[in-house]
Amino acid sequence: MKKTLVGAAICAALIFGSSGAAFAGEVNGNGDPTGGPGHARSLCVYSGLEDGEEGGEAGPGNVQNWGHVPQELRKQWSSRGASYVSVPGEGNVGCNPHSVGGE
């Protein structure tokens, strides 16, 4: 019985003690915007979710993951993956600003 209580206490400490780490990074861990967009030239600097409403519509600054783009569109837009993408109406974009004419 004593081992069970000690085990339960350790489990509770691990679960509640590490719960803050799961939420660090939605913005910068403090709720402030990250410095990435101001310092990076790559569109892929947006690598996670904004600190917005859960389940909200995807949009600029929301999930920017090449894997979330349907495969049919990926094939139409690029033969080189996320580093160079030609999106109709947007022009050439991608994760590598040197490949798409960035500075």
PDB file of N, CA and C in Angstrom:
ATOM      1  N   MET A   1       0.820  -1.195   0.000  1.00  0.00           N
ATOM      2  CA  MET A   1       0.000   0.000   0.000  1.00  0.00           C
ATOM      3  C   MET A   1       0.869   1.265   0.000  1.00  0.00           C
ATOM      4  N   LYS A   2       1.960   1.209   0.792  1.00  0.00           N
ATOM      5  CA  LYS A   2       2.851   2.362   0.871  1.00  0.00           C
ATOM      6  C   LYS A   2       3.502   2.634  -0.488  1.00  0.00           C
ATOM      7  N   LYS A   3       3.908   1.560  -1.206  1.00  0.00           N
ATOM      8  CA  LYS A   3       4.522   1.719  -2.525  1.00  0.00           C
ATOM      9  C   LYS A   3       3.539   2.334  -3.516  1.00  0.00           C
ATOM     10  N   THR A   4       2.281   1.952  -3.417  1.00  0.00           N
ATOM     11  CA  THR A   4       1.255   2.493  -4.306  1.00  0.00           C
ATOM     12  C   THR A   4       1.083   3.987  -4.081  1.00  0.00           C
ATOM     13  N   LEU A   5       1.033   4.408  -2.815  1.00  0.00           N
ATOM     14  CA  LEU A   5       0.882   5.832  -2.507  1.00  0.00           C
ATOM     15  C   LEU A   5       2.100   6.633  -2.959  1.00  0.00           C
ATOM     16  N   VAL A   6       3.289   6.092  -2.738  1.00  0.00           N
ATOM     17  CA  VAL A   6       4.513   6.770  -3.178  1.00  0.00           C
ATOM     18  C   VAL A   6       4.528   6.875  -4.703  1.00  0.00           C
ATOM     19  N   GLY A   7       4.147   5.791  -5.377  1.00  0.00           N
ATOM     20  CA  GLY A   7       4.093   5.805  -6.840  1.00  0.00           C
ATOM     21  C   GLY A   7       3.090   6.816  -7.362  1.00  0.00           C
ATOM     22  N   ALA A   8       1.921   6.894  -6.719  1.00  0.00           N
ATOM     23  CA  ALA A   8       0.898   7.859  -7.125  1.00  0.00           C
ATOM     24  C   ALA A   8       1.389   9.287  -6.910  1.00  0.00           C
ATOM     25  N   ALA A   9       2.089   9.522  -5.799  1.00  0.00           N
ATOM     26  CA  ALA A   9       2.615  10.857  -5.517  1.00  0.00           C
ATOM     27  C   ALA A   9       3.674  11.257  -6.543  1.00  0.00           C
ATOM     28  N   ILE A  10       4.535  10.323  -6.914  1.00  0.00           N
ATOM     29  CA  ILE A  10       5.567  10.611  -7.918  1.00  0.00           C
ATOM     30  C   ILE A  10       4.924  10.895  -9.268  1.00  0.00           C
ATOM     31  N   CYS A  11       3.935  10.088  -9.645  1.00  0.00           N
ATOM     32  CA  CYS A  11       3.230  10.311 -10.915  1.00  0.00           C
ATOM     33  C   CYS A  11       2.574  11.680 -10.940  1.00  0.00           C
ATOM     34  N   ALA A  12       1.898  12.040  -9.856  1.00  0.00           N
ATOM     35  CA  ALA A  12       1.227  13.337  -9.785  1.00  0.00           C
ATOM     36  C   ALA A  12       2.239  14.474  -9.896  1.00  0.00           C
ATOM     37  N   ALA A  13       3.372  14.338  -9.210  1.00  0.00           N
ATOM     38  CA  ALA A  13       4.403  15.373  -9.269  1.00  0.00           C
ATOM     39  C   ALA A  13       4.946  15.524 -10.683  1.00  0.00           C
ATOM     40  N   LEU A  14       5.161  14.417 -11.368  1.00  0.00           N
ATOM     41  CA  LEU A  14       5.665  14.484 -12.739  1.00  0.00           C
ATOM     42  C   LEU A  14       4.645  15.100 -13.680  1.00  0.00           C
ATOM     43  N   ILE A  15       3.393  14.714 -13.535  1.00  0.00           N
ATOM     44  CA  ILE A  15       2.350  15.235 -14.423  1.00  0.00           C
ATOM     45  C   ILE A  15       2.138  16.724 -14.197  1.00  0.00           C
ATOM     46  N   PHE A  16       1.940  17.128 -12.951  1.00  0.00           N
ATOM     47  CA  PHE A  16       1.660  18.530 -12.674  1.00  0.00           C
ATOM     48  C   PHE A  16       2.905  19.396 -12.765  1.00  0.00           C
ATOM     49  N   GLY A  17       4.054  18.845 -12.505  1.00  0.00           N
ATOM     50  CA  GLY A  17       5.294  19.603 -12.588  1.00  0.00           C
ATOM     51  C   GLY A  17       5.732  19.892 -14.005  1.00  0.00           C
ATOM     52  N   SER A  18       5.321  19.076 -14.955  1.00  0.00           N
ATOM     53  CA  SER A  18       5.732  19.291 -16.344  1.00  0.00           C
ATOM     54  C   SER A  18       4.630  19.879 -17.199  1.00  0.00           C
ATOM     55  N   SER A  19       3.468  20.169 -16.636  1.00  0.00           N
ATOM     56  CA  SER A  19       2.356  20.650 -17.455  1.00  0.00           C
ATOM     57  C   SER A  19       2.626  22.018 -18.058  1.00  0.00           C
ATOM     58  N   GLY A  20       3.419  22.874 -17.417  1.00  0.00           N
ATOM     59  CA  GLY A  20       3.716  24.188 -17.973  1.00  0.00           C
ATOM     60  C   GLY A  20       4.516  24.110 -19.249  1.00  0.00           C
ATOM     61  N   ALA A  21       5.365  23.132 -19.387  1.00  0.00           N
ATOM     62  CA  ALA A  21       6.199  23.016 -20.578  1.00  0.00           C
ATOM     63  C   ALA A  21       5.381  22.724 -21.822  1.00  0.00           C
ATOM     64  N   ALA A  22       4.237  22.100 -21.667  1.00  0.00           N
ATOM     65  CA  ALA A  22       3.410  21.780 -22.826  1.00  0.00           C
ATOM     66  C   ALA A  22       2.847  23.027 -23.473  1.00  0.00           C
ATOM     67  N   PHE A  23       2.727  24.111 -22.714  1.00  0.00           N
ATOM     68  CA  PHE A  23       2.125  25.317 -23.245  1.00  0.00           C
ATOM     69  C   PHE A  23       3.158  26.364 -23.637  1.00  0.00           C
ATOM     70  N   ALA A  24       4.413  26.131 -23.300  1.00  0.00           N
ATOM     71  CA  ALA A  24       5.452  27.090 -23.654  1.00  0.00           C
ATOM     72  C   ALA A  24       5.685  27.056 -25.149  1.00  0.00           C
ATOM     73  N   GLY A  25       5.609  28.192 -25.785  1.00  0.00           N
ATOM     74  CA  GLY A  25       5.922  28.261 -27.197  1.00  0.00           C
ATOM     75  C   GLY A  25       4.768  28.538 -28.116  1.00  0.00           C
ATOM     76  N   GLU A  26       3.521  28.655 -27.603  1.00  0.00           N
ATOM     77  CA  GLU A  26       2.455  29.031 -28.508  1.00  0.00           C
ATOM     78  C   GLU A  26       2.786  30.374 -29.150  1.00  0.00           C
ATOM     79  N   VAL A  27       3.314  31.260 -28.365  1.00  0.00           N
ATOM     80  CA  VAL A  27       3.822  32.515 -28.896  1.00  0.00           C
ATOM     81  C   VAL A  27       5.305  32.519 -28.580  1.00  0.00           C
ATOM     82  N   ASN A  28       5.681  32.915 -27.379  1.00  0.00           N
ATOM     83  CA  ASN A  28       7.078  32.762 -26.977  1.00  0.00           C
ATOM     84  C   ASN A  28       7.196  32.198 -25.579  1.00  0.00           C
ATOM     85  N   GLY A  29       6.113  31.690 -25.031  1.00  0.00           N
ATOM     86  CA  GLY A  29       6.118  31.157 -23.685  1.00  0.00           C
ATOM     87  C   GLY A  29       5.653  32.175 -22.666  1.00  0.00           C
ATOM     88  N   ASN A  30       5.743  33.464 -23.011  1.00  0.00           N
ATOM     89  CA  ASN A  30       5.282  34.533 -22.126  1.00  0.00           C
ATOM     90  C   ASN A  30       4.026  35.208 -22.663  1.00  0.00           C
ATOM     91  N   GLY A  31       3.545  34.762 -23.812  1.00  0.00           N
ATOM     92  CA  GLY A  31       2.378  35.376 -24.426  1.00  0.00           C
ATOM     93  C   GLY A  31       2.719  36.512 -25.369  1.00  0.00           C
ATOM     94  N   ASP A  32       3.995  36.823 -25.519  1.00  0.00           N
ATOM     95  CA  ASP A  32       4.426  37.883 -26.429  1.00  0.00           C
ATOM     96  C   ASP A  32       4.760  37.287 -27.788  1.00  0.00           C
ATOM     97  N   PRO A  33       4.673  38.090 -28.853  1.00  0.00           N
ATOM     98  CA  PRO A  33       5.054  37.574 -30.178  1.00  0.00           C
ATOM     99  C   PRO A  33       6.524  37.160 -30.196  1.00  0.00           C
ATOM    100  N   THR A  34       6.825  36.154 -30.998  1.00  0.00           N
ATOM    101  CA  THR A  34       8.219  35.740 -31.134  1.00  0.00           C
ATOM    102  C   THR A  34       8.964  36.744 -31.996  1.00  0.00           C
ATOM    103  N   GLY A  35      10.268  36.729 -31.933  1.00  0.00           N
ATOM    104  CA  GLY A  35      11.072  37.631 -32.745  1.00  0.00           C
ATOM    105  C   GLY A  35      11.334  37.100 -34.135  1.00  0.00           C
ATOM    106  N   GLY A  36      10.926  35.859 -34.409  1.00  0.00           N
ATOM    107  CA  GLY A  36      11.218  35.228 -35.688  1.00  0.00           C
ATOM    108  C   GLY A  36      10.789  36.009 -36.910  1.00  0.00           C
ATOM    109  N   PRO A  37       9.521  36.411 -37.026  1.00  0.00           N
ATOM    110  CA  PRO A  37       9.093  37.111 -38.239  1.00  0.00           C
ATOM    111  C   PRO A  37       9.830  38.424 -38.478  1.00  0.00           C
ATOM    112  N   GLY A  38      10.292  39.073 -37.434  1.00  0.00           N
ATOM    113  CA  GLY A  38      11.020  40.323 -37.596  1.00  0.00           C
ATOM    114  C   GLY A  38      12.467  40.134 -38.001  1.00  0.00           C
ATOM    115  N   HIS A  39      12.993  38.924 -37.855  1.00  0.00           N
ATOM    116  CA  HIS A  39      14.405  38.684 -38.125  1.00  0.00           C
ATOM    117  C   HIS A  39      14.663  37.696 -39.253  1.00  0.00           C
ATOM    118  N   ALA A  40      13.666  36.936 -39.639  1.00  0.00           N
ATOM    119  CA  ALA A  40      13.866  35.904 -40.658  1.00  0.00           C
ATOM    120  C   ALA A  40      13.230  36.334 -41.973  1.00  0.00           C
ATOM    121  N   ARG A  41      13.783  35.866 -43.074  1.00  0.00           N
ATOM    122  CA  ARG A  41      13.227  36.171 -44.390  1.00  0.00           C
ATOM    123  C   ARG A  41      12.407  35.019 -44.931  1.00  0.00           C
ATOM    124  N   SER A  42      12.402  33.906 -44.254  1.00  0.00           N
ATOM    125  CA  SER A  42      11.697  32.723 -44.722  1.00  0.00           C
ATOM    126  C   SER A  42      10.249  32.740 -44.264  1.00  0.00           C
ATOM    127  N   LEU A  43       9.347  32.359 -45.162  1.00  0.00           N
ATOM    128  CA  LEU A  43       7.951  32.213 -44.771  1.00  0.00           C
ATOM    129  C   LEU A  43       7.776  31.088 -43.770  1.00  0.00           C
ATOM    130  N   CYS A  44       8.735  30.204 -43.684  1.00  0.00           N
ATOM    131  CA  CYS A  44       8.636  29.053 -42.787  1.00  0.00           C
ATOM    132  C   CYS A  44       9.009  29.401 -41.356  1.00  0.00           C
ATOM    133  N   VAL A  45       9.236  30.678 -41.063  1.00  0.00           N
ATOM    134  CA  VAL A  45       9.497  31.086 -39.691  1.00  0.00           C
ATOM    135  C   VAL A  45       8.259  30.834 -38.834  1.00  0.00           C
ATOM    136  N   TYR A  46       7.086  30.818 -39.453  1.00  0.00           N
ATOM    137  CA  TYR A  46       5.850  30.487 -38.736  1.00  0.00           C
ATOM    138  C   TYR A  46       5.762  28.979 -38.652  1.00  0.00           C
ATOM    139  N   SER A  47       6.250  28.427 -37.557  1.00  0.00           N
ATOM    140  CA  SER A  47       6.345  26.971 -37.484  1.00  0.00           C
ATOM    141  C   SER A  47       5.368  26.353 -36.502  1.00  0.00           C
ATOM    142  N   GLY A  48       4.485  27.134 -35.955  1.00  0.00           N
ATOM    143  CA  GLY A  48       3.536  26.577 -34.995  1.00  0.00           C
ATOM    144  C   GLY A  48       2.229  27.322 -35.047  1.00  0.00           C
ATOM    145  N   LEU A  49       1.480  27.238 -33.998  1.00  0.00           N
ATOM    146  CA  LEU A  49       0.190  27.908 -33.932  1.00  0.00           C
ATOM    147  C   LEU A  49       0.322  29.262 -33.267  1.00  0.00           C
ATOM    148  N   GLU A  50      -0.468  30.212 -33.741  1.00  0.00           N
ATOM    149  CA  GLU A  50      -0.554  31.486 -33.062  1.00  0.00           C
ATOM    150  C   GLU A  50      -1.240  31.272 -31.727  1.00  0.00           C
ATOM    151  N   ASP A  51      -1.127  32.234 -30.859  1.00  0.00           N
ATOM    152  CA  ASP A  51      -1.803  32.165 -29.575  1.00  0.00           C
ATOM    153  C   ASP A  51      -3.217  32.722 -29.760  1.00  0.00           C
ATOM    154  N   GLY A  52      -4.003  32.027 -30.559  1.00  0.00           N
ATOM    155  CA  GLY A  52      -5.363  32.466 -30.859  1.00  0.00           C
ATOM    156  C   GLY A  52      -6.364  31.472 -30.340  1.00  0.00           C
ATOM    157  N   GLU A  53      -7.542  31.524 -30.900  1.00  0.00           N
ATOM    158  CA  GLU A  53      -8.590  30.611 -30.478  1.00  0.00           C
ATOM    159  C   GLU A  53      -8.286  29.202 -30.949  1.00  0.00           C
ATOM    160  N   GLU A  54      -8.463  28.255 -30.069  1.00  0.00           N
ATOM    161  CA  GLU A  54      -8.236  26.865 -30.428  1.00  0.00           C
ATOM    162  C   GLU A  54      -9.291  26.429 -31.431  1.00  0.00           C
ATOM    163  N   GLY A  55      -8.858  25.800 -32.502  1.00  0.00           N
ATOM    164  CA  GLY A  55      -9.793  25.328 -33.520  1.00  0.00           C
ATOM    165  C   GLY A  55     -10.236  26.411 -34.477  1.00  0.00           C
ATOM    166  N   GLY A  56      -9.581  27.589 -34.440  1.00  0.00           N
ATOM    167  CA  GLY A  56      -9.947  28.671 -35.347  1.00  0.00           C
ATOM    168  C   GLY A  56      -9.516  28.369 -36.774  1.00  0.00           C
ATOM    169  N   GLU A  57      -9.923  29.226 -37.681  1.00  0.00           N
ATOM    170  CA  GLU A  57      -9.570  29.068 -39.087  1.00  0.00           C
ATOM    171  C   GLU A  57      -8.066  29.238 -39.282  1.00  0.00           C
ATOM    172  N   ALA A  58      -7.507  28.459 -40.174  1.00  0.00           N
ATOM    173  CA  ALA A  58      -6.093  28.608 -40.519  1.00  0.00           C
ATOM    174  C   ALA A  58      -5.941  29.865 -41.357  1.00  0.00           C
ATOM    175  N   GLY A  59      -4.847  30.551 -41.181  1.00  0.00           N
ATOM    176  CA  GLY A  59      -4.613  31.761 -41.949  1.00  0.00           C
ATOM    177  C   GLY A  59      -3.163  32.154 -41.852  1.00  0.00           C
ATOM    178  N   PRO A  60      -2.826  33.333 -42.331  1.00  0.00           N
ATOM    179  CA  PRO A  60      -1.430  33.769 -42.268  1.00  0.00           C
ATOM    180  C   PRO A  60      -0.908  33.723 -40.842  1.00  0.00           C
ATOM    181  N   GLY A  61       0.236  33.116 -40.679  1.00  0.00           N
ATOM    182  CA  GLY A  61       0.834  33.008 -39.366  1.00  0.00           C
ATOM    183  C   GLY A  61       0.380  31.791 -38.588  1.00  0.00           C
ATOM    184  N   ASN A  62      -0.601  31.080 -39.091  1.00  0.00           N
ATOM    185  CA  ASN A  62      -1.039  29.864 -38.417  1.00  0.00           C
ATOM    186  C   ASN A  62      -0.126  28.733 -38.865  1.00  0.00           C
ATOM    187  N   VAL A  63      -0.545  27.507 -38.785  1.00  0.00           N
ATOM    188  CA  VAL A  63       0.342  26.391 -39.108  1.00  0.00           C
ATOM    189  C   VAL A  63       0.907  26.552 -40.517  1.00  0.00           C
ATOM    190  N   GLN A  64       2.210  26.541 -40.633  1.00  0.00           N
ATOM    191  CA  GLN A  64       2.885  26.649 -41.923  1.00  0.00           C
ATOM    192  C   GLN A  64       3.705  25.385 -42.111  1.00  0.00           C
ATOM    193  N   ASN A  65       3.056  24.328 -42.459  1.00  0.00           N
ATOM    194  CA  ASN A  65       3.719  23.043 -42.592  1.00  0.00           C
ATOM    195  C   ASN A  65       3.397  22.475 -43.956  1.00  0.00           C
ATOM    196  N   TRP A  66       4.410  22.203 -44.738  1.00  0.00           N
ATOM    197  CA  TRP A  66       4.236  21.694 -46.099  1.00  0.00           C
ATOM    198  C   TRP A  66       3.393  20.432 -46.104  1.00  0.00           C
ATOM    199  N   GLY A  67       3.460  19.650 -45.053  1.00  0.00           N
ATOM    200  CA  GLY A  67       2.685  18.422 -44.966  1.00  0.00           C
ATOM    201  C   GLY A  67       1.194  18.656 -44.817  1.00  0.00           C
ATOM    202  N   HIS A  68       0.778  19.851 -44.413  1.00  0.00           N
ATOM    203  CA  HIS A  68      -0.645  20.158 -44.288  1.00  0.00           C
ATOM    204  C   HIS A  68      -1.269  20.545 -45.623  1.00  0.00           C
ATOM    205  N   VAL A  69      -0.452  20.835 -46.615  1.00  0.00           N
ATOM    206  CA  VAL A  69      -0.968  21.165 -47.946  1.00  0.00           C
ATOM    207  C   VAL A  69      -1.325  19.854 -48.642  1.00  0.00           C
ATOM    208  N   PRO A  70      -2.530  19.757 -49.215  1.00  0.00           N
ATOM    209  CA  PRO A  70      -2.895  18.508 -49.899  1.00  0.00           C
ATOM    210  C   PRO A  70      -1.868  18.123 -50.965  1.00  0.00           C
ATOM    211  N   GLN A  71      -1.615  16.836 -51.097  1.00  0.00           N
ATOM    212  CA  GLN A  71      -0.576  16.340 -51.998  1.00  0.00           C
ATOM    213  C   GLN A  71      -0.805  16.782 -53.440  1.00  0.00           C
ATOM    214  N   GLU A  72      -2.058  16.852 -53.889  1.00  0.00           N
ATOM    215  CA  GLU A  72      -2.334  17.275 -55.265  1.00  0.00           C
ATOM    216  C   GLU A  72      -1.824  18.694 -55.504  1.00  0.00           C
ATOM    217  N   LEU A  73      -2.026  19.584 -54.529  1.00  0.00           N
ATOM    218  CA  LEU A  73      -1.543  20.955 -54.666  1.00  0.00           C
ATOM    219  C   LEU A  73      -0.030  21.020 -54.579  1.00  0.00           C
ATOM    220  N   ARG A  74       0.569  20.229 -53.687  1.00  0.00           N
ATOM    221  CA  ARG A  74       2.037  20.220 -53.590  1.00  0.00           C
ATOM    222  C   ARG A  74       2.655  19.844 -54.923  1.00  0.00           C
ATOM    223  N   LYS A  75       2.070  18.860 -55.614  1.00  0.00           N
ATOM    224  CA  LYS A  75       2.607  18.437 -56.913  1.00  0.00           C
ATOM    225  C   LYS A  75       2.450  19.533 -57.956  1.00  0.00           C
ATOM    226  N   GLN A  76       1.342  20.283 -57.911  1.00  0.00           N
ATOM    227  CA  GLN A  76       1.117  21.368 -58.872  1.00  0.00           C
ATOM    228  C   GLN A  76       2.039  22.552 -58.610  1.00  0.00           C
ATOM    229  N   TRP A  77       2.263  22.851 -57.352  1.00  0.00           N
ATOM    230  CA  TRP A  77       2.980  24.061 -56.987  1.00  0.00           C
ATOM    231  C   TRP A  77       4.490  23.917 -56.955  1.00  0.00           C
ATOM    232  N   SER A  78       5.021  22.708 -56.778  1.00  0.00           N
ATOM    233  CA  SER A  78       6.463  22.576 -56.630  1.00  0.00           C
ATOM    234  C   SER A  78       6.947  21.179 -56.959  1.00  0.00           C
ATOM    235  N   SER A  79       8.078  21.132 -57.620  1.00  0.00           N
ATOM    236  CA  SER A  79       8.742  19.844 -57.836  1.00  0.00           C
ATOM    237  C   SER A  79       9.944  19.713 -56.899  1.00  0.00           C
ATOM    238  N   ARG A  80      10.199  20.764 -56.095  1.00  0.00           N
ATOM    239  CA  ARG A  80      11.360  20.778 -55.206  1.00  0.00           C
ATOM    240  C   ARG A  80      10.995  20.867 -53.733  1.00  0.00           C
ATOM    241  N   GLY A  81       9.760  20.584 -53.391  1.00  0.00           N
ATOM    242  CA  GLY A  81       9.369  20.634 -51.990  1.00  0.00           C
ATOM    243  C   GLY A  81       9.123  22.051 -51.514  1.00  0.00           C
ATOM    244  N   ALA A  82       9.186  22.243 -50.213  1.00  0.00           N
ATOM    245  CA  ALA A  82       8.821  23.518 -49.607  1.00  0.00           C
ATOM    246  C   ALA A  82       9.846  24.621 -49.841  1.00  0.00           C
ATOM    247  N   SER A  83      11.043  24.297 -50.311  1.00  0.00           N
ATOM    248  CA  SER A  83      12.051  25.338 -50.492  1.00  0.00           C
ATOM    249  C   SER A  83      11.727  26.268 -51.653  1.00  0.00           C
ATOM    250  N   TYR A  84      10.973  25.803 -52.635  1.00  0.00           N
ATOM    251  CA  TYR A  84      10.604  26.642 -53.779  1.00  0.00           C
ATOM    252  C   TYR A  84       9.193  26.262 -54.207  1.00  0.00           C
ATOM    253  N   VAL A  85       8.261  27.182 -54.020  1.00  0.00           N
ATOM    254  CA  VAL A  85       6.857  26.911 -54.313  1.00  0.00           C
ATOM    255  C   VAL A  85       6.319  28.045 -55.165  1.00  0.00           C
ATOM    256  N   SER A  86       5.632  27.721 -56.249  1.00  0.00           N
ATOM    257  CA  SER A  86       4.997  28.715 -57.104  1.00  0.00           C
ATOM    258  C   SER A  86       3.488  28.591 -56.919  1.00  0.00           C
ATOM    259  N   VAL A  87       2.915  29.506 -56.132  1.00  0.00           N
ATOM    260  CA  VAL A  87       1.489  29.463 -55.803  1.00  0.00           C
ATOM    261  C   VAL A  87       0.746  30.434 -56.710  1.00  0.00           C
ATOM    262  N   PRO A  88      -0.284  29.961 -57.435  1.00  0.00           N
ATOM    263  CA  PRO A  88      -1.065  30.861 -58.294  1.00  0.00           C
ATOM    264  C   PRO A  88      -1.632  32.034 -57.489  1.00  0.00           C
ATOM    265  N   GLY A  89      -1.408  33.235 -57.976  1.00  0.00           N
ATOM    266  CA  GLY A  89      -1.886  34.431 -57.296  1.00  0.00           C
ATOM    267  C   GLY A  89      -0.939  34.961 -56.235  1.00  0.00           C
ATOM    268  N   GLU A  90       0.024  34.165 -55.815  1.00  0.00           N
ATOM    269  CA  GLU A  90       0.986  34.582 -54.793  1.00  0.00           C
ATOM    270  C   GLU A  90       2.389  34.727 -55.359  1.00  0.00           C
ATOM    271  N   GLY A  91       2.655  34.081 -56.464  1.00  0.00           N
ATOM    272  CA  GLY A  91       3.990  34.103 -57.037  1.00  0.00           C
ATOM    273  C   GLY A  91       4.875  33.033 -56.432  1.00  0.00           C
ATOM    274  N   ASN A  92       6.170  33.267 -56.499  1.00  0.00           N
ATOM    275  CA  ASN A  92       7.135  32.302 -55.979  1.00  0.00           C
ATOM    276  C   ASN A  92       7.370  32.555 -54.497  1.00  0.00           C
ATOM    277  N   VAL A  93       7.129  31.535 -53.714  1.00  0.00           N
ATOM    278  CA  VAL A  93       7.330  31.604 -52.269  1.00  0.00           C
ATOM    279  C   VAL A  93       8.030  30.327 -51.846  1.00  0.00           C
ATOM    280  N   GLY A  94       8.440  30.251 -50.626  1.00  0.00           N
ATOM    281  CA  GLY A  94       9.059  29.021 -50.143  1.00  0.00           C
ATOM    282  C   GLY A  94       9.864  29.260 -48.895  1.00  0.00           C
ATOM    283  N   CYS A  95      10.403  28.184 -48.356  1.00  0.00           N
ATOM    284  CA  CYS A  95      11.162  28.261 -47.109  1.00  0.00           C
ATOM    285  C   CYS A  95      12.557  28.834 -47.300  1.00  0.00           C
ATOM    286  N   ASN A  96      13.113  28.730 -48.488  1.00  0.00           N
ATOM    287  CA  ASN A  96      14.458  29.233 -48.736  1.00  0.00           C
ATOM    288  C   ASN A  96      14.354  30.549 -49.497  1.00  0.00           C
ATOM    289  N   PRO A  97      14.536  31.695 -48.830  1.00  0.00           N
ATOM    290  CA  PRO A  97      14.369  32.974 -49.509  1.00  0.00           C
ATOM    291  C   PRO A  97      15.366  33.196 -50.639  1.00  0.00           C
ATOM    292  N   HIS A  98      16.514  32.539 -50.599  1.00  0.00           N
ATOM    293  CA  HIS A  98      17.494  32.686 -51.672  1.00  0.00           C
ATOM    294  C   HIS A  98      17.014  32.007 -52.946  1.00  0.00           C
ATOM    295  N   SER A  99      16.242  30.926 -52.813  1.00  0.00           N
ATOM    296  CA  SER A  99      15.740  30.194 -53.978  1.00  0.00           C
ATOM    297  C   SER A  99      14.613  30.919 -54.683  1.00  0.00           C
ATOM    298  N   VAL A 100      13.887  31.754 -53.948  1.00  0.00           N
ATOM    299  CA  VAL A 100      12.697  32.382 -54.520  1.00  0.00           C
ATOM    300  C   VAL A 100      12.868  33.879 -54.724  1.00  0.00           C
ATOM    301  N   GLY A 101      14.097  34.342 -54.748  1.00  0.00           N
ATOM    302  CA  GLY A 101      14.355  35.745 -55.043  1.00  0.00           C
ATOM    303  C   GLY A 101      14.327  36.658 -53.833  1.00  0.00           C
ATOM    304  N   GLY A 102      14.430  36.101 -52.633  1.00  0.00           N
ATOM    305  CA  GLY A 102      14.488  36.936 -51.435  1.00  0.00           C
ATOM    306  C   GLY A 102      15.854  37.572 -51.305  1.00  0.00           C
ATOM    307  N   GLU A 103      15.980  38.476 -50.375  1.00  0.00           N
ATOM    308  CA  GLU A 103      17.258  39.177 -50.188  1.00  0.00           C
ATOM    309  C   GLU A 103      18.266  38.317 -49.475  1.00  0.00           C
TER     310      GLU A 103
END
